[in-house]
Every structure is written in structure tokens, then in C-alpha cells.
């Protein structure tokens, strides 16, 4: 009857569970016992089958097996929340904005929507881990994928080669660049929703007067920076509010520019000229957020 084999998880293994031997006192005598020396030809022959069985009997048989469990990570878009981003800004500090030149280089290589989606998926995977474990802001993202996450090569290759110059201190900026580009392409195609999961409450259309006010206000800001920050505001903060929980008949309606300004202040981000834009559009309700972003994106594309 075969002896019952015991199993131990890696965290419970002790030295007594491991295979150990002294090379000179134990292993070499065992090897010599299973070899045949021919004096006439001064040669050695080994009975490898018997030697294998002897080593197994002496050092392996009866030892517990160490179980190996491969953890599966299923990354959900719902994990992109304000809490997650704040955790990264604290544990992978500082977070810096990618240079305009590098942003253009990265996007110039992502000509297909598939390549863009794959690169974005990799960045979101990194964000998911960093929010829990933190990381060295100076480490290159490609090194983090290979040496820390140990992702298969095919998944590492989904990161655009130009993005290999990005470090962990750029991860949130990289996510912004990729996310905004995907949203722009979806908006241009008119077949896909740029803001999947953002509730209907935030999709109320602007009136003609409000649209004029937004367009005039955009003259005072860098539209690309405005798009990036407003996108993050909607996806990581507004998106977390369940659909149907807002009452459009509130006596004191929530104001978009006030909430957006508070969001920027909390993350220590300033937008040049935003005060002038906010003053012009201070009465805009937060329910107009999606339409404001779309108007700004369309203005950017027509320049």
C-alpha cells in the first residue's frame, strides 16, 4: 500500500518538510553504491534506474508535497474608483503627468482600436495592483510587468513600445491618455458609448445657451488637459454613484463646476484658466457632465 501523501501550502512549510542532504557524507556514498568500476578499462558505469529509486527512497518518499495555487485576477472596471486613485497617489508618490511629446509618441503607435484597448487593459491591471501594494515610482512599467507581476510575455507585449519609457510615477497619466483617446474614438464613430457605466442622470443635454457658455469658457483652458481631468472625474467619481439615485427635483441642484473644482483641489491638480471658465458656467448642473465633455472633445477635434 502506498503511503498517504500530505500536502502543505507554501505559507505552512518548515525546514523539516524540505529535502536536505550532505553532499559528501550522504549523497556521494549513495552514488558510489550504484556504480560499477572496471579496472581494466579504468571506467565507471552507473545504474541510473537503481540510483533514482534509491534517491527517491532516501530523500523524497514520505515527504509532504507543497501545493501551488495560481491565483486568478479578474480585473473589473468597477475597481477604477476615486479610492483606488487616491491610494496610488499616496503609495506611488509622486504621480507625474506625461510630457506632450511622449503622449503623442504613444498615441501615434496605437492606430487600431484593438491595440489601444490592450494597452489600456495593461495599465488598468497595473493600477489595480499598485492600489493595494504600492510600488517604486522610479520603476519602469515594463519592468513592473515582468519582474513584479510576472505576466506572460504575450501580455507584456500589449504595452505599447513607446510606453516602455513610462515609469510607475506616470501610470495614472498614462491611463488618462489612453482612456481619453478611446473615448474620443468612440465618440467619433457614433456607434459606441464613450462613457459606459456612467448613469443616465449625468447625460442631460445642454441648452443652446449653455452650449455657447461652455464653448466660450473653453477658450480659457487647455482643452486637452480639461478633457483628461473631466474624464477622470466622471469615470472614477461620478460613475460610482448608482444610476437612479439622484433626484433631479432637488431644491439645491448639484453644480458641475463646483464639484469638478473640488475634485481637482483634492488631487492637487490645477488647470490654467479654469477659474474663468467656471465663473462663466457656474450654474451648470452636474447632470450635464457628459455633454460638456463631448462638446469639448468635438471642439478639440475641429481645431
C-alpha atoms as a PDB file:
ATOM      1  CA  UNK A   1       0.000   0.000   0.000  1.00  0.00           C
ATOM      2  CA  UNK A   2       1.311   3.426  -0.973  1.00  0.00           C
ATOM      3  CA  UNK A   3       1.813   5.777   1.998  1.00  0.00           C
ATOM      4  CA  UNK A   4      -0.634   8.638   2.162  1.00  0.00           C
ATOM      5  CA  UNK A   5       0.925  11.856   0.893  1.00  0.00           C
ATOM      6  CA  UNK A   6       0.352  15.013   2.865  1.00  0.00           C
ATOM      7  CA  UNK A   7       0.075  18.478   1.330  1.00  0.00           C
ATOM      8  CA  UNK A   8       1.160  21.814   2.722  1.00  0.00           C
ATOM      9  CA  UNK A   9       0.503  25.330   1.420  1.00  0.00           C
ATOM     10  CA  UNK A  10       3.700  27.372   0.905  1.00  0.00           C
ATOM     11  CA  UNK A  11       2.968  29.528   3.947  1.00  0.00           C
ATOM     12  CA  UNK A  12       2.963  26.481   6.281  1.00  0.00           C
ATOM     13  CA  UNK A  13       6.196  24.832   5.096  1.00  0.00           C
ATOM     14  CA  UNK A  14       9.029  24.476   7.652  1.00  0.00           C
ATOM     15  CA  UNK A  15      12.636  23.286   7.294  1.00  0.00           C
ATOM     16  CA  UNK A  16      11.634  19.793   8.396  1.00  0.00           C
ATOM     17  CA  UNK A  17       9.402  19.462   5.338  1.00  0.00           C
ATOM     18  CA  UNK A  18      12.221  20.158   2.878  1.00  0.00           C
ATOM     19  CA  UNK A  19      14.632  17.744   1.193  1.00  0.00           C
ATOM     20  CA  UNK A  20      18.111  18.180   2.692  1.00  0.00           C
ATOM     21  CA  UNK A  21      21.313  16.178   2.473  1.00  0.00           C
ATOM     22  CA  UNK A  22      25.074  16.397   2.949  1.00  0.00           C
ATOM     23  CA  UNK A  23      26.807  16.033  -0.381  1.00  0.00           C
ATOM     24  CA  UNK A  24      29.959  14.310   0.836  1.00  0.00           C
ATOM     25  CA  UNK A  25      28.567  12.238   3.707  1.00  0.00           C
ATOM     26  CA  UNK A  26      25.233  11.155   2.230  1.00  0.00           C
ATOM     27  CA  UNK A  27      24.815  11.718  -1.494  1.00  0.00           C
ATOM     28  CA  UNK A  28      28.239  10.677  -2.821  1.00  0.00           C
ATOM     29  CA  UNK A  29      28.269   7.325  -0.909  1.00  0.00           C
ATOM     30  CA  UNK A  30      24.834   6.610  -2.348  1.00  0.00           C
ATOM     31  CA  UNK A  31      26.088   7.327  -5.853  1.00  0.00           C
ATOM     32  CA  UNK A  32      29.173   5.140  -5.385  1.00  0.00           C
ATOM     33  CA  UNK A  33      26.992   2.285  -4.175  1.00  0.00           C
ATOM     34  CA  UNK A  34      25.229   2.238  -7.552  1.00  0.00           C
ATOM     35  CA  UNK A  35      28.189   2.377  -9.870  1.00  0.00           C
ATOM     36  CA  UNK A  36      30.395  -0.313 -11.337  1.00  0.00           C
ATOM     37  CA  UNK A  37      34.110   0.329 -11.746  1.00  0.00           C
ATOM     38  CA  UNK A  38      36.050  -1.566 -14.472  1.00  0.00           C
ATOM     39  CA  UNK A  39      39.745  -1.661 -13.581  1.00  0.00           C
ATOM     40  CA  UNK A  40      40.940  -2.901 -16.950  1.00  0.00           C
ATOM     41  CA  UNK A  41      39.338   0.000 -18.798  1.00  0.00           C
ATOM     42  CA  UNK A  42      39.513   2.481 -15.875  1.00  0.00           C
ATOM     43  CA  UNK A  43      35.878   3.395 -16.438  1.00  0.00           C
ATOM     44  CA  UNK A  44      32.726   3.806 -14.358  1.00  0.00           C
ATOM     45  CA  UNK A  45      29.208   2.768 -15.259  1.00  0.00           C
ATOM     46  CA  UNK A  46      26.151   3.831 -13.272  1.00  0.00           C
ATOM     47  CA  UNK A  47      22.912   2.010 -12.742  1.00  0.00           C
ATOM     48  CA  UNK A  48      20.793   5.111 -13.121  1.00  0.00           C
ATOM     49  CA  UNK A  49      17.450   3.375 -12.579  1.00  0.00           C
ATOM     50  CA  UNK A  50      18.525   1.947  -9.225  1.00  0.00           C
ATOM     51  CA  UNK A  51      20.192   5.218  -8.272  1.00  0.00           C
ATOM     52  CA  UNK A  52      16.981   7.126  -8.993  1.00  0.00           C
ATOM     53  CA  UNK A  53      14.935   4.744  -6.850  1.00  0.00           C
ATOM     54  CA  UNK A  54      17.484   4.937  -4.016  1.00  0.00           C
ATOM     55  CA  UNK A  55      17.439   8.749  -4.018  1.00  0.00           C
ATOM     56  CA  UNK A  56      13.664   8.738  -4.046  1.00  0.00           C
ATOM     57  CA  UNK A  57      13.507   6.268  -1.143  1.00  0.00           C
ATOM     58  CA  UNK A  58      16.091   8.131   0.951  1.00  0.00           C
ATOM     59  CA  UNK A  59      15.139  11.735   0.369  1.00  0.00           C
ATOM     60  CA  UNK A  60      11.779  12.110  -1.387  1.00  0.00           C
ATOM     61  CA  UNK A  61       9.356   9.374  -0.431  1.00  0.00           C
ATOM     62  CA  UNK A  62       7.179  10.294   2.516  1.00  0.00           C
ATOM     63  CA  UNK A  63       7.941  13.994   2.225  1.00  0.00           C
ATOM     64  CA  UNK A  64       4.876  16.257   2.065  1.00  0.00           C
ATOM     65  CA  UNK A  65       4.076  17.938  -1.219  1.00  0.00           C
ATOM     66  CA  UNK A  66       3.912  21.714  -1.417  1.00  0.00           C
ATOM     67  CA  UNK A  67       0.731  22.838  -3.073  1.00  0.00           C
ATOM     68  CA  UNK A  68       0.907  25.552  -5.677  1.00  0.00           C
ATOM     69  CA  UNK A  69      -2.209  27.576  -6.231  1.00  0.00           C
ATOM     70  CA  UNK A  70      -2.242  30.016  -9.106  1.00  0.00           C
ATOM     71  CA  UNK A  71      -4.335  32.988  -8.112  1.00  0.00           C
ATOM     72  CA  UNK A  72      -6.571  34.285 -10.867  1.00  0.00           C
ATOM     73  CA  UNK A  73      -7.117  38.011 -11.107  1.00  0.00           C
ATOM     74  CA  UNK A  74     -10.278  39.259 -12.744  1.00  0.00           C
ATOM     75  CA  UNK A  75      -9.958  43.000 -13.155  1.00  0.00           C
ATOM     76  CA  UNK A  76     -13.250  44.858 -13.227  1.00  0.00           C
ATOM     77  CA  UNK A  77     -13.811  48.373 -14.464  1.00  0.00           C
ATOM     78  CA  UNK A  78     -15.621  48.960 -11.192  1.00  0.00           C
ATOM     79  CA  UNK A  79     -12.228  48.802  -9.494  1.00  0.00           C
ATOM     80  CA  UNK A  80     -11.410  52.184 -11.050  1.00  0.00           C
ATOM     81  CA  UNK A  81     -12.618  54.384  -8.264  1.00  0.00           C
ATOM     82  CA  UNK A  82     -11.587  57.550  -6.508  1.00  0.00           C
ATOM     83  CA  UNK A  83     -10.390  55.449  -3.570  1.00  0.00           C
ATOM     84  CA  UNK A  84      -8.097  53.422  -5.837  1.00  0.00           C
ATOM     85  CA  UNK A  85      -6.588  56.504  -7.460  1.00  0.00           C
ATOM     86  CA  UNK A  86      -6.067  58.222  -4.112  1.00  0.00           C
ATOM     87  CA  UNK A  87      -4.308  55.107  -2.790  1.00  0.00           C
ATOM     88  CA  UNK A  88      -1.876  55.187  -5.704  1.00  0.00           C
ATOM     89  CA  UNK A  89      -1.165  58.887  -5.243  1.00  0.00           C
ATOM     90  CA  UNK A  90      -0.189  58.132  -1.647  1.00  0.00           C
ATOM     91  CA  UNK A  91       1.749  54.880  -2.134  1.00  0.00           C
ATOM     92  CA  UNK A  92       3.358  55.626  -5.523  1.00  0.00           C
ATOM     93  CA  UNK A  93       4.285  59.221  -4.886  1.00  0.00           C
ATOM     94  CA  UNK A  94       4.711  61.468  -6.755  1.00  0.00           C
ATOM     95  CA  UNK A  95       2.432  60.916  -9.710  1.00  0.00           C
ATOM     96  CA  UNK A  96       3.552  62.987 -12.676  1.00  0.00           C
ATOM     97  CA  UNK A  97       1.983  63.999 -15.981  1.00  0.00           C
ATOM     98  CA  UNK A  98       3.473  62.595 -19.177  1.00  0.00           C
ATOM     99  CA  UNK A  99       5.174  65.082 -21.457  1.00  0.00           C
ATOM    100  CA  UNK A 100       3.244  66.218 -24.524  1.00  0.00           C
ATOM    101  CA  UNK A 101       5.893  64.659 -26.784  1.00  0.00           C
ATOM    102  CA  UNK A 102       5.644  61.245 -25.114  1.00  0.00           C
ATOM    103  CA  UNK A 103       1.849  61.362 -25.184  1.00  0.00           C
ATOM    104  CA  UNK A 104       1.933  61.954 -28.925  1.00  0.00           C
ATOM    105  CA  UNK A 105       4.507  59.190 -29.441  1.00  0.00           C
ATOM    106  CA  UNK A 106       2.398  56.668 -27.541  1.00  0.00           C
ATOM    107  CA  UNK A 107      -0.819  57.501 -29.400  1.00  0.00           C
ATOM    108  CA  UNK A 108       0.901  57.556 -32.796  1.00  0.00           C
ATOM    109  CA  UNK A 109       1.659  53.850 -32.405  1.00  0.00           C
ATOM    110  CA  UNK A 110      -1.878  52.906 -31.359  1.00  0.00           C
ATOM    111  CA  UNK A 111      -3.512  53.061 -34.761  1.00  0.00           C
ATOM    112  CA  UNK A 112      -6.019  50.284 -34.143  1.00  0.00           C
ATOM    113  CA  UNK A 113      -8.734  50.240 -31.509  1.00  0.00           C
ATOM    114  CA  UNK A 114      -7.577  46.732 -30.502  1.00  0.00           C
ATOM    115  CA  UNK A 115      -4.032  47.915 -29.761  1.00  0.00           C
ATOM    116  CA  UNK A 116      -5.429  50.849 -27.795  1.00  0.00           C
ATOM    117  CA  UNK A 117      -7.752  48.600 -25.798  1.00  0.00           C
ATOM    118  CA  UNK A 118      -4.975  46.104 -24.990  1.00  0.00           C
ATOM    119  CA  UNK A 119      -2.603  48.829 -23.820  1.00  0.00           C
ATOM    120  CA  UNK A 120      -5.344  50.345 -21.673  1.00  0.00           C
ATOM    121  CA  UNK A 121      -6.099  46.935 -20.152  1.00  0.00           C
ATOM    122  CA  UNK A 122      -2.456  46.547 -19.129  1.00  0.00           C
ATOM    123  CA  UNK A 123      -2.434  49.989 -17.497  1.00  0.00           C
ATOM    124  CA  UNK A 124      -5.621  49.180 -15.575  1.00  0.00           C
ATOM    125  CA  UNK A 125      -4.110  45.895 -14.370  1.00  0.00           C
ATOM    126  CA  UNK A 126      -1.082  47.766 -13.040  1.00  0.00           C
ATOM    127  CA  UNK A 127      -3.353  50.309 -11.337  1.00  0.00           C
ATOM    128  CA  UNK A 128      -5.318  47.525  -9.671  1.00  0.00           C
ATOM    129  CA  UNK A 129      -2.193  46.008  -8.112  1.00  0.00           C
ATOM    130  CA  UNK A 130      -0.485  49.272  -7.206  1.00  0.00           C
ATOM    131  CA  UNK A 131      -3.516  50.477  -5.271  1.00  0.00           C
ATOM    132  CA  UNK A 132      -3.065  47.521  -2.896  1.00  0.00           C
ATOM    133  CA  UNK A 133       0.692  47.010  -2.826  1.00  0.00           C
ATOM    134  CA  UNK A 134       2.263  50.340  -3.753  1.00  0.00           C
ATOM    135  CA  UNK A 135       5.467  50.475  -5.749  1.00  0.00           C
ATOM    136  CA  UNK A 136       8.668  52.314  -6.558  1.00  0.00           C
ATOM    137  CA  UNK A 137       7.706  55.394  -8.598  1.00  0.00           C
ATOM    138  CA  UNK A 138      11.047  55.196 -10.449  1.00  0.00           C
ATOM    139  CA  UNK A 139      10.483  51.643 -11.722  1.00  0.00           C
ATOM    140  CA  UNK A 140       9.678  51.322 -15.411  1.00  0.00           C
ATOM    141  CA  UNK A 141       6.207  49.933 -16.063  1.00  0.00           C
ATOM    142  CA  UNK A 142       7.645  47.244 -18.356  1.00  0.00           C
ATOM    143  CA  UNK A 143       9.940  46.068 -15.506  1.00  0.00           C
ATOM    144  CA  UNK A 144       6.987  46.022 -13.114  1.00  0.00           C
ATOM    145  CA  UNK A 145       5.039  43.802 -15.513  1.00  0.00           C
ATOM    146  CA  UNK A 146       7.936  41.394 -15.938  1.00  0.00           C
ATOM    147  CA  UNK A 147       9.630  41.291 -12.557  1.00  0.00           C
ATOM    148  CA  UNK A 148       6.819  42.035 -10.096  1.00  0.00           C
ATOM    149  CA  UNK A 149       3.610  40.803 -11.737  1.00  0.00           C
ATOM    150  CA  UNK A 150       5.409  38.101 -13.770  1.00  0.00           C
ATOM    151  CA  UNK A 151       2.904  38.484 -16.570  1.00  0.00           C
ATOM    152  CA  UNK A 152       3.301  36.196 -19.607  1.00  0.00           C
ATOM    153  CA  UNK A 153       5.303  37.713 -22.460  1.00  0.00           C
ATOM    154  CA  UNK A 154       2.250  37.980 -24.683  1.00  0.00           C
ATOM    155  CA  UNK A 155       0.525  40.180 -22.095  1.00  0.00           C
ATOM    156  CA  UNK A 156       3.631  42.296 -21.567  1.00  0.00           C
ATOM    157  CA  UNK A 157       3.779  42.930 -25.310  1.00  0.00           C
ATOM    158  CA  UNK A 158       0.322  44.500 -25.171  1.00  0.00           C
ATOM    159  CA  UNK A 159       2.018  47.531 -23.637  1.00  0.00           C
ATOM    160  CA  UNK A 160       2.864  49.878 -26.470  1.00  0.00           C
ATOM    161  CA  UNK A 161       6.676  50.067 -27.033  1.00  0.00           C
ATOM    162  CA  UNK A 162       6.606  53.857 -26.654  1.00  0.00           C
ATOM    163  CA  UNK A 163       5.032  53.378 -23.228  1.00  0.00           C
ATOM    164  CA  UNK A 164       8.131  51.440 -22.147  1.00  0.00           C
ATOM    165  CA  UNK A 165       9.630  54.834 -21.315  1.00  0.00           C
ATOM    166  CA  UNK A 166       6.921  55.392 -18.689  1.00  0.00           C
ATOM    167  CA  UNK A 167       7.627  54.759 -15.039  1.00  0.00           C
ATOM    168  CA  UNK A 168       5.165  53.913 -12.281  1.00  0.00           C
ATOM    169  CA  UNK A 169       5.005  57.600 -11.419  1.00  0.00           C
ATOM    170  CA  UNK A 170       3.309  58.078 -14.809  1.00  0.00           C
ATOM    171  CA  UNK A 171       0.730  55.288 -14.503  1.00  0.00           C
ATOM    172  CA  UNK A 172      -2.307  57.493 -13.802  1.00  0.00           C
ATOM    173  CA  UNK A 173      -1.326  59.938 -16.531  1.00  0.00           C
ATOM    174  CA  UNK A 174      -0.878  57.038 -18.964  1.00  0.00           C
ATOM    175  CA  UNK A 175      -4.330  55.763 -18.045  1.00  0.00           C
ATOM    176  CA  UNK A 176      -5.776  59.228 -18.687  1.00  0.00           C
ATOM    177  CA  UNK A 177      -4.129  59.473 -22.111  1.00  0.00           C
ATOM    178  CA  UNK A 178      -5.309  56.041 -23.227  1.00  0.00           C
ATOM    179  CA  UNK A 179      -8.811  56.360 -21.759  1.00  0.00           C
ATOM    180  CA  UNK A 180      -9.458  59.776 -23.283  1.00  0.00           C
ATOM    181  CA  UNK A 181      -8.213  58.616 -26.679  1.00  0.00           C
ATOM    182  CA  UNK A 182     -10.520  55.617 -26.606  1.00  0.00           C
ATOM    183  CA  UNK A 183     -13.445  57.827 -25.590  1.00  0.00           C
ATOM    184  CA  UNK A 184     -12.663  60.237 -28.440  1.00  0.00           C
ATOM    185  CA  UNK A 185     -12.612  57.418 -30.974  1.00  0.00           C
ATOM    186  CA  UNK A 186     -15.866  56.025 -29.667  1.00  0.00           C
ATOM    187  CA  UNK A 187     -17.455  59.448 -29.843  1.00  0.00           C
ATOM    188  CA  UNK A 188     -16.233  59.940 -33.420  1.00  0.00           C
ATOM    189  CA  UNK A 189     -17.568  56.563 -34.537  1.00  0.00           C
ATOM    190  CA  UNK A 190     -21.034  57.400 -33.162  1.00  0.00           C
ATOM    191  CA  UNK A 191     -21.512  53.646 -32.656  1.00  0.00           C
ATOM    192  CA  UNK A 192     -20.078  53.204 -29.161  1.00  0.00           C
ATOM    193  CA  UNK A 193     -20.706  54.913 -25.864  1.00  0.00           C
ATOM    194  CA  UNK A 194     -17.626  56.844 -24.659  1.00  0.00           C
ATOM    195  CA  UNK A 195     -18.885  56.577 -21.082  1.00  0.00           C
ATOM    196  CA  UNK A 196     -20.062  53.039 -20.458  1.00  0.00           C
ATOM    197  CA  UNK A 197     -21.446  52.686 -16.970  1.00  0.00           C
ATOM    198  CA  UNK A 198     -21.910  56.398 -16.307  1.00  0.00           C
ATOM    199  CA  UNK A 199     -25.517  56.837 -15.203  1.00  0.00           C
ATOM    200  CA  UNK A 200     -28.291  58.424 -17.237  1.00  0.00           C
ATOM    201  CA  UNK A 201     -28.563  61.188 -14.684  1.00  0.00           C
ATOM    202  CA  UNK A 202     -25.292  62.680 -15.929  1.00  0.00           C
ATOM    203  CA  UNK A 203     -26.298  62.659 -19.614  1.00  0.00           C
ATOM    204  CA  UNK A 204     -28.759  65.529 -19.729  1.00  0.00           C
ATOM    205  CA  UNK A 205     -28.149  67.642 -22.878  1.00  0.00           C
ATOM    206  CA  UNK A 206     -27.019  71.242 -22.705  1.00  0.00           C
ATOM    207  CA  UNK A 207     -29.372  74.003 -23.769  1.00  0.00           C
ATOM    208  CA  UNK A 208     -28.264  76.258 -26.623  1.00  0.00           C
ATOM    209  CA  UNK A 209     -27.328  78.988 -24.178  1.00  0.00           C
ATOM    210  CA  UNK A 210     -25.348  76.574 -22.013  1.00  0.00           C
ATOM    211  CA  UNK A 211     -23.514  75.213 -25.045  1.00  0.00           C
ATOM    212  CA  UNK A 212     -22.470  78.730 -26.030  1.00  0.00           C
ATOM    213  CA  UNK A 213     -21.236  79.349 -22.492  1.00  0.00           C
ATOM    214  CA  UNK A 214     -19.186  76.153 -22.463  1.00  0.00           C
ATOM    215  CA  UNK A 215     -17.576  76.917 -25.830  1.00  0.00           C
ATOM    216  CA  UNK A 216     -16.628  80.414 -24.665  1.00  0.00           C
ATOM    217  CA  UNK A 217     -15.286  79.037 -21.403  1.00  0.00           C
ATOM    218  CA  UNK A 218     -13.087  76.531 -23.224  1.00  0.00           C
ATOM    219  CA  UNK A 219     -11.129  79.420 -24.720  1.00  0.00           C
ATOM    220  CA  UNK A 220      -9.542  79.990 -21.320  1.00  0.00           C
ATOM    221  CA  UNK A 221      -8.256  76.446 -20.690  1.00  0.00           C
ATOM    222  CA  UNK A 222      -6.033  73.854 -22.294  1.00  0.00           C
ATOM    223  CA  UNK A 223      -8.761  71.710 -23.821  1.00  0.00           C
ATOM    224  CA  UNK A 224      -6.674  68.507 -23.775  1.00  0.00           C
ATOM    225  CA  UNK A 225      -5.963  68.842 -20.056  1.00  0.00           C
ATOM    226  CA  UNK A 226      -9.610  69.727 -19.396  1.00  0.00           C
ATOM    227  CA  UNK A 227     -10.768  66.611 -21.265  1.00  0.00           C
ATOM    228  CA  UNK A 228      -8.391  64.376 -19.323  1.00  0.00           C
ATOM    229  CA  UNK A 229      -9.338  65.683 -15.896  1.00  0.00           C
ATOM    230  CA  UNK A 230     -13.080  65.847 -16.558  1.00  0.00           C
ATOM    231  CA  UNK A 231     -12.981  62.294 -17.927  1.00  0.00           C
ATOM    232  CA  UNK A 232     -11.293  61.016 -14.763  1.00  0.00           C
ATOM    233  CA  UNK A 233     -13.780  62.964 -12.634  1.00  0.00           C
ATOM    234  CA  UNK A 234     -16.722  61.314 -14.375  1.00  0.00           C
ATOM    235  CA  UNK A 235     -15.336  57.771 -14.520  1.00  0.00           C
ATOM    236  CA  UNK A 236     -13.754  57.415 -11.089  1.00  0.00           C
ATOM    237  CA  UNK A 237     -16.110  59.631  -9.107  1.00  0.00           C
ATOM    238  CA  UNK A 238     -19.465  60.197 -10.808  1.00  0.00           C
ATOM    239  CA  UNK A 239     -19.564  56.671 -12.216  1.00  0.00           C
ATOM    240  CA  UNK A 240     -19.508  55.226  -8.714  1.00  0.00           C
ATOM    241  CA  UNK A 241     -22.877  56.831  -7.938  1.00  0.00           C
ATOM    242  CA  UNK A 242     -25.568  54.200  -8.743  1.00  0.00           C
ATOM    243  CA  UNK A 243     -27.965  55.029 -11.539  1.00  0.00           C
ATOM    244  CA  UNK A 244     -31.327  56.311 -10.477  1.00  0.00           C
ATOM    245  CA  UNK A 245     -30.245  57.531  -7.050  1.00  0.00           C
ATOM    246  CA  UNK A 246     -30.187  61.208  -7.957  1.00  0.00           C
ATOM    247  CA  UNK A 247     -33.274  63.339  -7.660  1.00  0.00           C
ATOM    248  CA  UNK A 248     -33.461  65.872 -10.496  1.00  0.00           C
ATOM    249  CA  UNK A 249     -36.015  67.840  -8.484  1.00  0.00           C
ATOM    250  CA  UNK A 250     -33.579  68.735  -5.715  1.00  0.00           C
ATOM    251  CA  UNK A 251     -34.078  72.249  -4.412  1.00  0.00           C
ATOM    252  CA  UNK A 252     -30.328  72.797  -4.438  1.00  0.00           C
ATOM    253  CA  UNK A 253     -29.052  71.072  -7.615  1.00  0.00           C
ATOM    254  CA  UNK A 254     -25.505  69.803  -7.651  1.00  0.00           C
ATOM    255  CA  UNK A 255     -23.277  72.105  -9.683  1.00  0.00           C
ATOM    256  CA  UNK A 256     -20.750  70.654 -12.119  1.00  0.00           C
ATOM    257  CA  UNK A 257     -18.027  73.292 -11.909  1.00  0.00           C
ATOM    258  CA  UNK A 258     -18.109  73.378  -8.110  1.00  0.00           C
ATOM    259  CA  UNK A 259     -17.798  69.592  -7.775  1.00  0.00           C
ATOM    260  CA  UNK A 260     -15.168  69.394 -10.512  1.00  0.00           C
ATOM    261  CA  UNK A 261     -13.139  72.139  -8.862  1.00  0.00           C
ATOM    262  CA  UNK A 262     -13.315  70.285  -5.527  1.00  0.00           C
ATOM    263  CA  UNK A 263     -12.137  67.116  -7.273  1.00  0.00           C
ATOM    264  CA  UNK A 264      -9.141  68.941  -8.766  1.00  0.00           C
ATOM    265  CA  UNK A 265      -8.266  70.500  -5.416  1.00  0.00           C
ATOM    266  CA  UNK A 266      -8.346  67.139  -3.639  1.00  0.00           C
ATOM    267  CA  UNK A 267      -5.820  65.682  -6.053  1.00  0.00           C
ATOM    268  CA  UNK A 268      -3.681  68.816  -6.040  1.00  0.00           C
ATOM    269  CA  UNK A 269      -4.214  69.488  -9.734  1.00  0.00           C
ATOM    270  CA  UNK A 270      -4.646  72.947 -11.159  1.00  0.00           C
ATOM    271  CA  UNK A 271      -5.955  73.846 -14.623  1.00  0.00           C
ATOM    272  CA  UNK A 272      -4.742  77.136 -16.009  1.00  0.00           C
ATOM    273  CA  UNK A 273      -7.701  79.410 -16.767  1.00  0.00           C
ATOM    274  CA  UNK A 274     -10.254  77.093 -15.166  1.00  0.00           C
ATOM    275  CA  UNK A 275     -11.462  79.784 -12.761  1.00  0.00           C
ATOM    276  CA  UNK A 276     -12.575  81.937 -15.684  1.00  0.00           C
ATOM    277  CA  UNK A 277     -14.334  79.008 -17.304  1.00  0.00           C
ATOM    278  CA  UNK A 278     -16.018  78.066 -14.026  1.00  0.00           C
ATOM    279  CA  UNK A 279     -17.218  81.628 -13.451  1.00  0.00           C
ATOM    280  CA  UNK A 280     -18.854  81.695 -16.868  1.00  0.00           C
ATOM    281  CA  UNK A 281     -20.528  78.307 -16.346  1.00  0.00           C
ATOM    282  CA  UNK A 282     -21.041  78.234 -12.587  1.00  0.00           C
ATOM    283  CA  UNK A 283     -24.762  77.388 -12.851  1.00  0.00           C
ATOM    284  CA  UNK A 284     -24.270  74.230 -14.920  1.00  0.00           C
ATOM    285  CA  UNK A 285     -25.789  71.201 -13.200  1.00  0.00           C
ATOM    286  CA  UNK A 286     -23.660  68.099 -12.702  1.00  0.00           C
ATOM    287  CA  UNK A 287     -26.273  66.236 -14.751  1.00  0.00           C
ATOM    288  CA  UNK A 288     -24.793  67.936 -17.863  1.00  0.00           C
ATOM    289  CA  UNK A 289     -21.306  66.437 -17.320  1.00  0.00           C
ATOM    290  CA  UNK A 290     -21.247  64.016 -20.272  1.00  0.00           C
ATOM    291  CA  UNK A 291     -22.492  66.596 -22.757  1.00  0.00           C
ATOM    292  CA  UNK A 292     -19.901  69.132 -21.559  1.00  0.00           C
ATOM    293  CA  UNK A 293     -17.130  66.604 -22.195  1.00  0.00           C
ATOM    294  CA  UNK A 294     -18.484  65.714 -25.633  1.00  0.00           C
ATOM    295  CA  UNK A 295     -18.703  69.399 -26.631  1.00  0.00           C
ATOM    296  CA  UNK A 296     -15.101  69.927 -25.539  1.00  0.00           C
ATOM    297  CA  UNK A 297     -13.946  66.813 -27.442  1.00  0.00           C
ATOM    298  CA  UNK A 298     -15.690  67.942 -30.608  1.00  0.00           C
ATOM    299  CA  UNK A 299     -14.140  71.409 -30.275  1.00  0.00           C
ATOM    300  CA  UNK A 300     -10.690  69.810 -29.898  1.00  0.00           C
ATOM    301  CA  UNK A 301     -11.159  67.623 -32.993  1.00  0.00           C
ATOM    302  CA  UNK A 302     -12.192  70.562 -35.185  1.00  0.00           C
ATOM    303  CA  UNK A 303      -9.098  72.629 -34.375  1.00  0.00           C
END
